[in-house]
Amino acid sequence: MAGKYYEEFEVGETITHEKRRTVSERDNQVFCDVTMNQQPLHLDAAFAAETQFGERLVNGIYTMALATGLSIPDTTDGTIVANLSYDDVEHPNPVFHGDTVHAESTVLDKRETSDGERGVVTMRVDAYKLDGDADGGETLVCTFERTVLSLKREHAE
């Protein structure tokens, strides 16, 4: 188990997640299919070519879900009771097929539950795509707050 218990989170800490993923056309297609989102901007190359983007965009909800998934091993894998909320979601820049995405989480707040057996932790998750240039630049593509109910080590089963 790699996740953190409530006591191990520190307000203000930023966790850079090592894992990253290059988003494929198939990733986007399957996500749109299983969620029944048939928006042509995601699926129709001819339609998307006529937009300001000039090509298909990766579904923004997929980008958010990917950022969450990339963050789990270092934050809540095996130590979470429940996801409580996702707030203040923004997609400042698009993701395209072939973009490589990575994430980092910053702990914004934490507090014990009233019974003292668990804790509530709020993190900001920022997802970036690599720009592919020699200087290692990156562009913010999604940011949101994730609030979780976390186990305390002494009460873990």
N, C-alpha and C. Protein backbone atom coordinates (compact mmCIF):
# COMPACT_ATOMS: atom_id res chain seq x y z
N MET A 1 0.85 -1.18 0.00
CA MET A 1 0.00 0.00 0.00
C MET A 1 0.89 1.24 0.00
N ALA A 2 0.66 2.13 -0.94
CA ALA A 2 1.50 3.31 -1.08
C ALA A 2 0.82 4.59 -0.60
N GLY A 3 -0.50 4.55 -0.39
CA GLY A 3 -1.22 5.75 0.01
C GLY A 3 -0.81 6.23 1.39
N LYS A 4 -1.22 7.46 1.69
CA LYS A 4 -0.90 8.07 2.98
C LYS A 4 -2.10 7.96 3.92
N TYR A 5 -1.80 7.72 5.17
CA TYR A 5 -2.82 7.83 6.21
C TYR A 5 -3.01 9.31 6.54
N TYR A 6 -4.12 9.64 7.17
CA TYR A 6 -4.45 11.01 7.50
C TYR A 6 -3.28 11.74 8.16
N GLU A 7 -2.64 11.08 9.11
CA GLU A 7 -1.56 11.73 9.88
C GLU A 7 -0.37 12.09 9.00
N GLU A 8 -0.22 11.41 7.88
CA GLU A 8 0.96 11.61 7.02
C GLU A 8 0.82 12.77 6.04
N PHE A 9 -0.38 13.28 5.88
CA PHE A 9 -0.57 14.45 5.01
C PHE A 9 -0.16 15.70 5.76
N GLU A 10 0.55 16.60 5.08
CA GLU A 10 0.95 17.87 5.66
C GLU A 10 0.40 19.00 4.81
N VAL A 11 -0.35 19.92 5.45
CA VAL A 11 -0.90 21.05 4.73
C VAL A 11 0.25 21.83 4.10
N GLY A 12 0.09 22.11 2.81
CA GLY A 12 1.11 22.86 2.08
C GLY A 12 2.06 21.99 1.28
N GLU A 13 2.12 20.70 1.59
CA GLU A 13 3.04 19.83 0.85
C GLU A 13 2.52 19.60 -0.56
N THR A 14 3.45 19.52 -1.50
CA THR A 14 3.13 19.18 -2.88
C THR A 14 3.76 17.85 -3.20
N ILE A 15 2.95 16.96 -3.71
CA ILE A 15 3.38 15.61 -4.07
C ILE A 15 3.43 15.53 -5.60
N THR A 16 4.61 15.34 -6.14
CA THR A 16 4.76 15.18 -7.59
C THR A 16 4.63 13.70 -7.91
N HIS A 17 3.66 13.37 -8.72
CA HIS A 17 3.39 11.97 -9.05
C HIS A 17 4.28 11.54 -10.22
N GLU A 18 5.01 10.48 -10.01
CA GLU A 18 5.99 10.00 -10.99
C GLU A 18 5.34 9.44 -12.25
N LYS A 19 4.21 8.76 -12.09
CA LYS A 19 3.56 8.13 -13.24
C LYS A 19 3.02 9.20 -14.18
N ARG A 20 3.03 8.87 -15.46
CA ARG A 20 2.42 9.73 -16.46
C ARG A 20 1.85 8.84 -17.56
N ARG A 21 1.05 9.43 -18.43
CA ARG A 21 0.43 8.64 -19.50
C ARG A 21 0.31 9.47 -20.76
N THR A 22 0.65 8.85 -21.86
CA THR A 22 0.42 9.44 -23.17
C THR A 22 -0.98 9.02 -23.61
N VAL A 23 -1.82 10.00 -23.87
CA VAL A 23 -3.22 9.75 -24.18
C VAL A 23 -3.35 9.35 -25.65
N SER A 24 -3.98 8.23 -25.87
CA SER A 24 -4.15 7.74 -27.24
C SER A 24 -5.55 8.07 -27.76
N GLU A 25 -5.69 7.96 -29.07
CA GLU A 25 -7.01 8.11 -29.69
C GLU A 25 -7.97 7.07 -29.11
N ARG A 26 -7.48 5.86 -28.89
CA ARG A 26 -8.32 4.80 -28.34
C ARG A 26 -8.80 5.14 -26.94
N ASP A 27 -7.92 5.70 -26.09
CA ASP A 27 -8.33 6.11 -24.74
C ASP A 27 -9.54 7.03 -24.82
N ASN A 28 -9.43 8.04 -25.68
CA ASN A 28 -10.49 9.03 -25.81
C ASN A 28 -11.77 8.40 -26.37
N GLN A 29 -11.62 7.56 -27.39
CA GLN A 29 -12.78 6.91 -28.02
C GLN A 29 -13.51 6.01 -27.02
N VAL A 30 -12.77 5.17 -26.31
CA VAL A 30 -13.40 4.26 -25.35
C VAL A 30 -14.09 5.03 -24.24
N PHE A 31 -13.43 6.07 -23.71
CA PHE A 31 -14.04 6.86 -22.64
C PHE A 31 -15.34 7.50 -23.13
N CYS A 32 -15.31 8.08 -24.30
CA CYS A 32 -16.54 8.68 -24.85
C CYS A 32 -17.63 7.62 -25.04
N ASP A 33 -17.24 6.44 -25.51
CA ASP A 33 -18.22 5.37 -25.72
C ASP A 33 -18.85 4.92 -24.41
N VAL A 34 -18.03 4.63 -23.41
CA VAL A 34 -18.59 4.10 -22.15
C VAL A 34 -19.39 5.14 -21.38
N THR A 35 -19.10 6.42 -21.61
CA THR A 35 -19.86 7.47 -20.92
C THR A 35 -20.98 8.03 -21.80
N MET A 36 -21.12 7.48 -23.02
CA MET A 36 -22.16 7.87 -23.97
C MET A 36 -22.07 9.34 -24.36
N ASN A 37 -20.87 9.88 -24.34
CA ASN A 37 -20.64 11.26 -24.77
C ASN A 37 -20.21 11.23 -26.23
N GLN A 38 -21.10 11.61 -27.11
CA GLN A 38 -20.83 11.55 -28.54
C GLN A 38 -20.54 12.93 -29.13
N GLN A 39 -20.00 13.82 -28.34
CA GLN A 39 -19.64 15.16 -28.79
C GLN A 39 -18.68 15.06 -29.97
N PRO A 40 -19.05 15.63 -31.14
CA PRO A 40 -18.19 15.50 -32.32
C PRO A 40 -16.81 16.15 -32.15
N LEU A 41 -16.68 17.11 -31.27
CA LEU A 41 -15.37 17.72 -31.04
C LEU A 41 -14.36 16.70 -30.52
N HIS A 42 -14.86 15.63 -29.88
CA HIS A 42 -14.00 14.57 -29.37
C HIS A 42 -13.80 13.43 -30.37
N LEU A 43 -14.77 13.24 -31.28
CA LEU A 43 -14.82 12.01 -32.06
C LEU A 43 -14.75 12.17 -33.58
N ASP A 44 -15.09 13.33 -34.09
CA ASP A 44 -15.24 13.52 -35.54
C ASP A 44 -14.11 14.43 -36.04
N ALA A 45 -13.13 13.83 -36.72
CA ALA A 45 -11.94 14.57 -37.17
C ALA A 45 -12.31 15.70 -38.13
N ALA A 46 -13.25 15.46 -39.04
CA ALA A 46 -13.65 16.49 -39.99
C ALA A 46 -14.33 17.66 -39.28
N PHE A 47 -15.21 17.35 -38.34
CA PHE A 47 -15.87 18.40 -37.57
C PHE A 47 -14.83 19.21 -36.78
N ALA A 48 -13.96 18.51 -36.06
CA ALA A 48 -12.98 19.18 -35.21
C ALA A 48 -12.00 20.02 -36.03
N ALA A 49 -11.71 19.61 -37.26
CA ALA A 49 -10.79 20.37 -38.11
C ALA A 49 -11.31 21.77 -38.41
N GLU A 50 -12.63 21.93 -38.36
CA GLU A 50 -13.25 23.23 -38.65
C GLU A 50 -13.39 24.11 -37.40
N THR A 51 -12.94 23.64 -36.25
CA THR A 51 -13.04 24.43 -35.02
C THR A 51 -11.76 25.20 -34.78
N GLN A 52 -11.75 26.03 -33.76
CA GLN A 52 -10.55 26.81 -33.42
C GLN A 52 -9.38 25.92 -33.04
N PHE A 53 -9.65 24.67 -32.67
CA PHE A 53 -8.59 23.77 -32.24
C PHE A 53 -7.94 23.04 -33.41
N GLY A 54 -8.67 22.86 -34.49
CA GLY A 54 -8.13 22.24 -35.69
C GLY A 54 -8.00 20.73 -35.65
N GLU A 55 -8.31 20.13 -34.52
CA GLU A 55 -8.26 18.68 -34.38
C GLU A 55 -9.11 18.27 -33.18
N ARG A 56 -9.32 16.96 -33.03
CA ARG A 56 -10.15 16.46 -31.94
C ARG A 56 -9.50 16.73 -30.59
N LEU A 57 -10.33 17.06 -29.62
CA LEU A 57 -9.88 17.25 -28.23
C LEU A 57 -10.16 15.98 -27.43
N VAL A 58 -9.29 15.70 -26.49
CA VAL A 58 -9.55 14.63 -25.54
C VAL A 58 -10.63 15.11 -24.58
N ASN A 59 -11.57 14.25 -24.27
CA ASN A 59 -12.66 14.56 -23.36
C ASN A 59 -12.10 15.09 -22.04
N GLY A 60 -12.59 16.25 -21.59
CA GLY A 60 -12.09 16.88 -20.37
C GLY A 60 -12.33 16.05 -19.12
N ILE A 61 -13.43 15.31 -19.09
CA ILE A 61 -13.71 14.47 -17.93
C ILE A 61 -12.70 13.33 -17.87
N TYR A 62 -12.29 12.83 -19.04
CA TYR A 62 -11.22 11.82 -19.07
C TYR A 62 -9.94 12.41 -18.49
N THR A 63 -9.61 13.63 -18.89
CA THR A 63 -8.39 14.27 -18.37
C THR A 63 -8.45 14.37 -16.85
N MET A 64 -9.59 14.77 -16.32
CA MET A 64 -9.75 14.87 -14.86
C MET A 64 -9.62 13.49 -14.21
N ALA A 65 -10.26 12.49 -14.80
CA ALA A 65 -10.19 11.13 -14.25
C ALA A 65 -8.76 10.60 -14.31
N LEU A 66 -8.06 10.88 -15.40
CA LEU A 66 -6.67 10.46 -15.52
C LEU A 66 -5.81 11.12 -14.44
N ALA A 67 -5.99 12.40 -14.23
CA ALA A 67 -5.23 13.10 -13.18
C ALA A 67 -5.51 12.49 -11.81
N THR A 68 -6.76 12.17 -11.55
CA THR A 68 -7.11 11.52 -10.28
C THR A 68 -6.39 10.18 -10.18
N GLY A 69 -6.48 9.38 -11.23
CA GLY A 69 -5.84 8.07 -11.23
C GLY A 69 -4.33 8.15 -11.05
N LEU A 70 -3.70 9.12 -11.68
CA LEU A 70 -2.25 9.28 -11.53
C LEU A 70 -1.86 9.66 -10.10
N SER A 71 -2.79 10.32 -9.39
CA SER A 71 -2.49 10.78 -8.03
C SER A 71 -2.72 9.72 -6.96
N ILE A 72 -3.56 8.75 -7.24
CA ILE A 72 -3.98 7.79 -6.21
C ILE A 72 -2.84 7.00 -5.57
N PRO A 73 -1.89 6.45 -6.34
CA PRO A 73 -0.85 5.64 -5.69
C PRO A 73 -0.08 6.38 -4.58
N ASP A 74 0.11 7.69 -4.75
CA ASP A 74 0.89 8.46 -3.78
C ASP A 74 0.05 9.12 -2.70
N THR A 75 -1.28 9.06 -2.83
CA THR A 75 -2.12 9.78 -1.87
C THR A 75 -3.09 8.87 -1.12
N THR A 76 -3.92 8.14 -1.82
CA THR A 76 -5.03 7.45 -1.14
C THR A 76 -5.14 5.96 -1.42
N ASP A 77 -4.16 5.37 -2.09
CA ASP A 77 -4.22 3.94 -2.41
C ASP A 77 -4.22 3.10 -1.14
N GLY A 78 -5.35 2.50 -0.84
CA GLY A 78 -5.46 1.64 0.34
C GLY A 78 -5.75 2.36 1.64
N THR A 79 -5.81 3.68 1.61
CA THR A 79 -6.01 4.44 2.85
C THR A 79 -7.27 5.31 2.81
N ILE A 80 -8.01 5.21 1.73
CA ILE A 80 -9.20 6.05 1.58
C ILE A 80 -10.44 5.31 2.07
N VAL A 81 -11.34 6.06 2.68
CA VAL A 81 -12.67 5.54 3.01
C VAL A 81 -13.63 5.90 1.87
N ALA A 82 -13.54 7.16 1.42
CA ALA A 82 -14.43 7.62 0.35
C ALA A 82 -13.91 8.91 -0.26
N ASN A 83 -14.22 9.11 -1.54
CA ASN A 83 -14.08 10.43 -2.15
C ASN A 83 -15.32 11.21 -1.74
N LEU A 84 -15.13 12.41 -1.22
CA LEU A 84 -16.26 13.21 -0.76
C LEU A 84 -16.71 14.25 -1.79
N SER A 85 -15.74 14.84 -2.50
CA SER A 85 -16.13 15.84 -3.49
C SER A 85 -14.98 16.13 -4.44
N TYR A 86 -15.38 16.66 -5.61
CA TYR A 86 -14.48 17.24 -6.59
C TYR A 86 -15.02 18.64 -6.85
N ASP A 87 -14.22 19.65 -6.62
CA ASP A 87 -14.70 21.03 -6.71
C ASP A 87 -13.76 21.88 -7.56
N ASP A 88 -14.30 23.01 -8.01
CA ASP A 88 -13.52 24.03 -8.71
C ASP A 88 -12.71 23.45 -9.87
N VAL A 89 -13.37 22.66 -10.70
CA VAL A 89 -12.71 22.03 -11.83
C VAL A 89 -12.53 23.06 -12.95
N GLU A 90 -11.31 23.13 -13.48
CA GLU A 90 -11.02 24.01 -14.61
C GLU A 90 -10.18 23.26 -15.63
N HIS A 91 -10.42 23.58 -16.89
CA HIS A 91 -9.65 23.01 -18.01
C HIS A 91 -9.07 24.18 -18.80
N PRO A 92 -7.96 24.76 -18.36
CA PRO A 92 -7.45 25.97 -19.00
C PRO A 92 -6.86 25.76 -20.39
N ASN A 93 -6.46 24.53 -20.71
CA ASN A 93 -5.89 24.24 -22.03
C ASN A 93 -6.31 22.84 -22.46
N PRO A 94 -6.41 22.63 -23.79
CA PRO A 94 -6.87 21.33 -24.28
C PRO A 94 -5.79 20.26 -24.24
N VAL A 95 -6.25 19.01 -24.27
CA VAL A 95 -5.38 17.84 -24.43
C VAL A 95 -5.75 17.22 -25.77
N PHE A 96 -4.72 16.83 -26.52
CA PHE A 96 -4.90 16.20 -27.83
C PHE A 96 -4.35 14.79 -27.80
N HIS A 97 -4.77 13.97 -28.73
CA HIS A 97 -4.21 12.61 -28.86
C HIS A 97 -2.69 12.74 -28.97
N GLY A 98 -1.98 11.90 -28.21
CA GLY A 98 -0.52 11.92 -28.24
C GLY A 98 0.12 12.77 -27.16
N ASP A 99 -0.67 13.58 -26.45
CA ASP A 99 -0.11 14.38 -25.35
C ASP A 99 0.19 13.49 -24.16
N THR A 100 1.27 13.78 -23.48
CA THR A 100 1.65 13.05 -22.27
C THR A 100 1.28 13.90 -21.07
N VAL A 101 0.52 13.30 -20.16
CA VAL A 101 -0.03 14.01 -19.00
C VAL A 101 0.60 13.48 -17.72
N HIS A 102 0.92 14.39 -16.82
CA HIS A 102 1.36 14.02 -15.46
C HIS A 102 0.65 14.94 -14.48
N ALA A 103 0.75 14.62 -13.18
CA ALA A 103 -0.02 15.37 -12.18
C ALA A 103 0.80 15.60 -10.92
N GLU A 104 0.33 16.58 -10.15
CA GLU A 104 0.85 16.79 -8.80
C GLU A 104 -0.31 17.21 -7.92
N SER A 105 -0.18 16.89 -6.64
CA SER A 105 -1.23 17.21 -5.66
C SER A 105 -0.64 18.07 -4.56
N THR A 106 -1.37 19.10 -4.18
CA THR A 106 -0.97 19.96 -3.07
C THR A 106 -2.04 19.87 -2.00
N VAL A 107 -1.62 19.55 -0.77
CA VAL A 107 -2.56 19.43 0.35
C VAL A 107 -2.97 20.83 0.79
N LEU A 108 -4.27 21.12 0.70
CA LEU A 108 -4.79 22.44 1.05
C LEU A 108 -5.30 22.51 2.48
N ASP A 109 -5.87 21.41 2.97
CA ASP A 109 -6.50 21.44 4.30
C ASP A 109 -6.66 20.02 4.79
N LYS A 110 -6.71 19.88 6.10
CA LYS A 110 -7.03 18.59 6.71
C LYS A 110 -7.65 18.84 8.08
N ARG A 111 -8.56 17.94 8.46
CA ARG A 111 -9.18 18.03 9.79
C ARG A 111 -9.68 16.65 10.17
N GLU A 112 -9.67 16.39 11.47
CA GLU A 112 -10.19 15.12 11.97
C GLU A 112 -11.71 15.12 11.91
N THR A 113 -12.28 13.93 11.80
CA THR A 113 -13.73 13.81 11.90
C THR A 113 -14.12 13.97 13.37
N SER A 114 -15.41 14.19 13.61
CA SER A 114 -15.86 14.45 14.98
C SER A 114 -15.59 13.29 15.93
N ASP A 115 -15.57 12.06 15.39
CA ASP A 115 -15.28 10.91 16.26
C ASP A 115 -13.78 10.67 16.42
N GLY A 116 -12.96 11.41 15.69
CA GLY A 116 -11.51 11.30 15.80
C GLY A 116 -10.91 10.06 15.16
N GLU A 117 -11.73 9.25 14.49
CA GLU A 117 -11.23 8.00 13.93
C GLU A 117 -10.75 8.12 12.49
N ARG A 118 -11.09 9.19 11.82
CA ARG A 118 -10.72 9.41 10.42
C ARG A 118 -10.37 10.88 10.24
N GLY A 119 -10.00 11.22 9.01
CA GLY A 119 -9.72 12.61 8.71
C GLY A 119 -10.18 12.98 7.32
N VAL A 120 -10.49 14.24 7.15
CA VAL A 120 -10.89 14.79 5.86
C VAL A 120 -9.71 15.58 5.31
N VAL A 121 -9.30 15.24 4.10
CA VAL A 121 -8.15 15.90 3.47
C VAL A 121 -8.60 16.48 2.14
N THR A 122 -8.25 17.75 1.91
CA THR A 122 -8.54 18.40 0.63
C THR A 122 -7.22 18.69 -0.08
N MET A 123 -7.16 18.26 -1.33
CA MET A 123 -5.96 18.46 -2.15
C MET A 123 -6.35 19.17 -3.44
N ARG A 124 -5.46 19.99 -3.93
CA ARG A 124 -5.61 20.51 -5.29
C ARG A 124 -4.78 19.61 -6.19
N VAL A 125 -5.40 19.11 -7.23
CA VAL A 125 -4.70 18.27 -8.20
C VAL A 125 -4.53 19.09 -9.47
N ASP A 126 -3.28 19.20 -9.92
CA ASP A 126 -2.96 19.92 -11.15
C ASP A 126 -2.41 18.92 -12.16
N ALA A 127 -2.99 18.91 -13.37
CA ALA A 127 -2.53 18.04 -14.44
C ALA A 127 -1.88 18.89 -15.51
N TYR A 128 -0.76 18.42 -16.00
CA TYR A 128 0.02 19.13 -17.02
C TYR A 128 0.27 18.21 -18.20
N LYS A 129 0.37 18.81 -19.40
CA LYS A 129 0.86 18.06 -20.55
C LYS A 129 2.27 18.55 -20.85
N LEU A 130 3.11 17.61 -21.25
CA LEU A 130 4.47 17.95 -21.62
C LEU A 130 4.42 18.65 -22.97
N ASP A 131 5.18 19.72 -23.11
CA ASP A 131 5.17 20.47 -24.36
C ASP A 131 6.00 19.82 -25.45
N GLY A 132 6.89 18.90 -25.07
CA GLY A 132 7.67 18.20 -26.07
C GLY A 132 8.86 18.98 -26.58
N ASP A 133 9.17 20.10 -25.95
CA ASP A 133 10.34 20.85 -26.40
C ASP A 133 11.55 20.50 -25.53
N ALA A 134 12.70 20.92 -25.96
CA ALA A 134 13.96 20.55 -25.30
C ALA A 134 14.08 21.11 -23.89
N ASP A 135 13.38 22.21 -23.59
CA ASP A 135 13.53 22.80 -22.26
C ASP A 135 12.62 22.17 -21.21
N GLY A 136 11.88 21.13 -21.59
CA GLY A 136 11.04 20.41 -20.63
C GLY A 136 9.81 21.18 -20.19
N GLY A 137 9.32 22.08 -21.04
CA GLY A 137 8.15 22.87 -20.69
C GLY A 137 6.90 22.03 -20.55
N GLU A 138 5.92 22.59 -19.87
CA GLU A 138 4.65 21.91 -19.67
C GLU A 138 3.55 22.94 -19.59
N THR A 139 2.32 22.48 -19.84
CA THR A 139 1.15 23.35 -19.87
C THR A 139 0.08 22.77 -18.96
N LEU A 140 -0.49 23.61 -18.09
CA LEU A 140 -1.59 23.19 -17.22
C LEU A 140 -2.81 22.88 -18.07
N VAL A 141 -3.38 21.67 -17.89
CA VAL A 141 -4.55 21.28 -18.68
C VAL A 141 -5.79 21.02 -17.83
N CYS A 142 -5.61 20.80 -16.53
CA CYS A 142 -6.76 20.55 -15.66
C CYS A 142 -6.34 20.82 -14.22
N THR A 143 -7.21 21.45 -13.47
CA THR A 143 -6.96 21.66 -12.05
C THR A 143 -8.29 21.53 -11.31
N PHE A 144 -8.24 20.93 -10.13
CA PHE A 144 -9.46 20.74 -9.34
C PHE A 144 -9.08 20.43 -7.90
N GLU A 145 -10.07 20.57 -7.02
CA GLU A 145 -9.89 20.18 -5.62
C GLU A 145 -10.58 18.84 -5.41
N ARG A 146 -9.88 17.95 -4.72
CA ARG A 146 -10.40 16.62 -4.39
C ARG A 146 -10.40 16.50 -2.87
N THR A 147 -11.56 16.19 -2.31
CA THR A 147 -11.67 16.02 -0.86
C THR A 147 -11.98 14.57 -0.57
N VAL A 148 -11.20 13.98 0.34
CA VAL A 148 -11.33 12.56 0.66
C VAL A 148 -11.50 12.35 2.16
N LEU A 149 -12.14 11.25 2.49
CA LEU A 149 -12.21 10.77 3.87
C LEU A 149 -11.13 9.72 4.00
N SER A 150 -10.16 9.99 4.86
CA SER A 150 -8.95 9.17 4.95
C SER A 150 -8.89 8.41 6.28
N LEU A 151 -8.37 7.19 6.20
CA LEU A 151 -8.13 6.42 7.41
C LEU A 151 -7.01 7.01 8.24
N LYS A 152 -7.13 6.89 9.55
CA LYS A 152 -6.00 7.17 10.45
C LYS A 152 -5.31 5.83 10.67
N ARG A 153 -4.01 5.87 10.78
CA ARG A 153 -3.23 4.63 10.90
C ARG A 153 -3.73 3.77 12.05
N GLU A 154 -4.01 4.36 13.19
CA GLU A 154 -4.39 3.58 14.38
C GLU A 154 -5.75 2.91 14.24
N HIS A 155 -6.57 3.39 13.28
CA HIS A 155 -7.90 2.80 13.09
C HIS A 155 -8.01 1.99 11.82
N ALA A 156 -6.90 1.79 11.13
CA ALA A 156 -6.92 1.01 9.89
C ALA A 156 -7.09 -0.47 10.25
N GLU A 157 -7.80 -1.18 9.39
CA GLU A 157 -8.02 -2.62 9.64
C GLU A 157 -6.82 -3.43 9.19
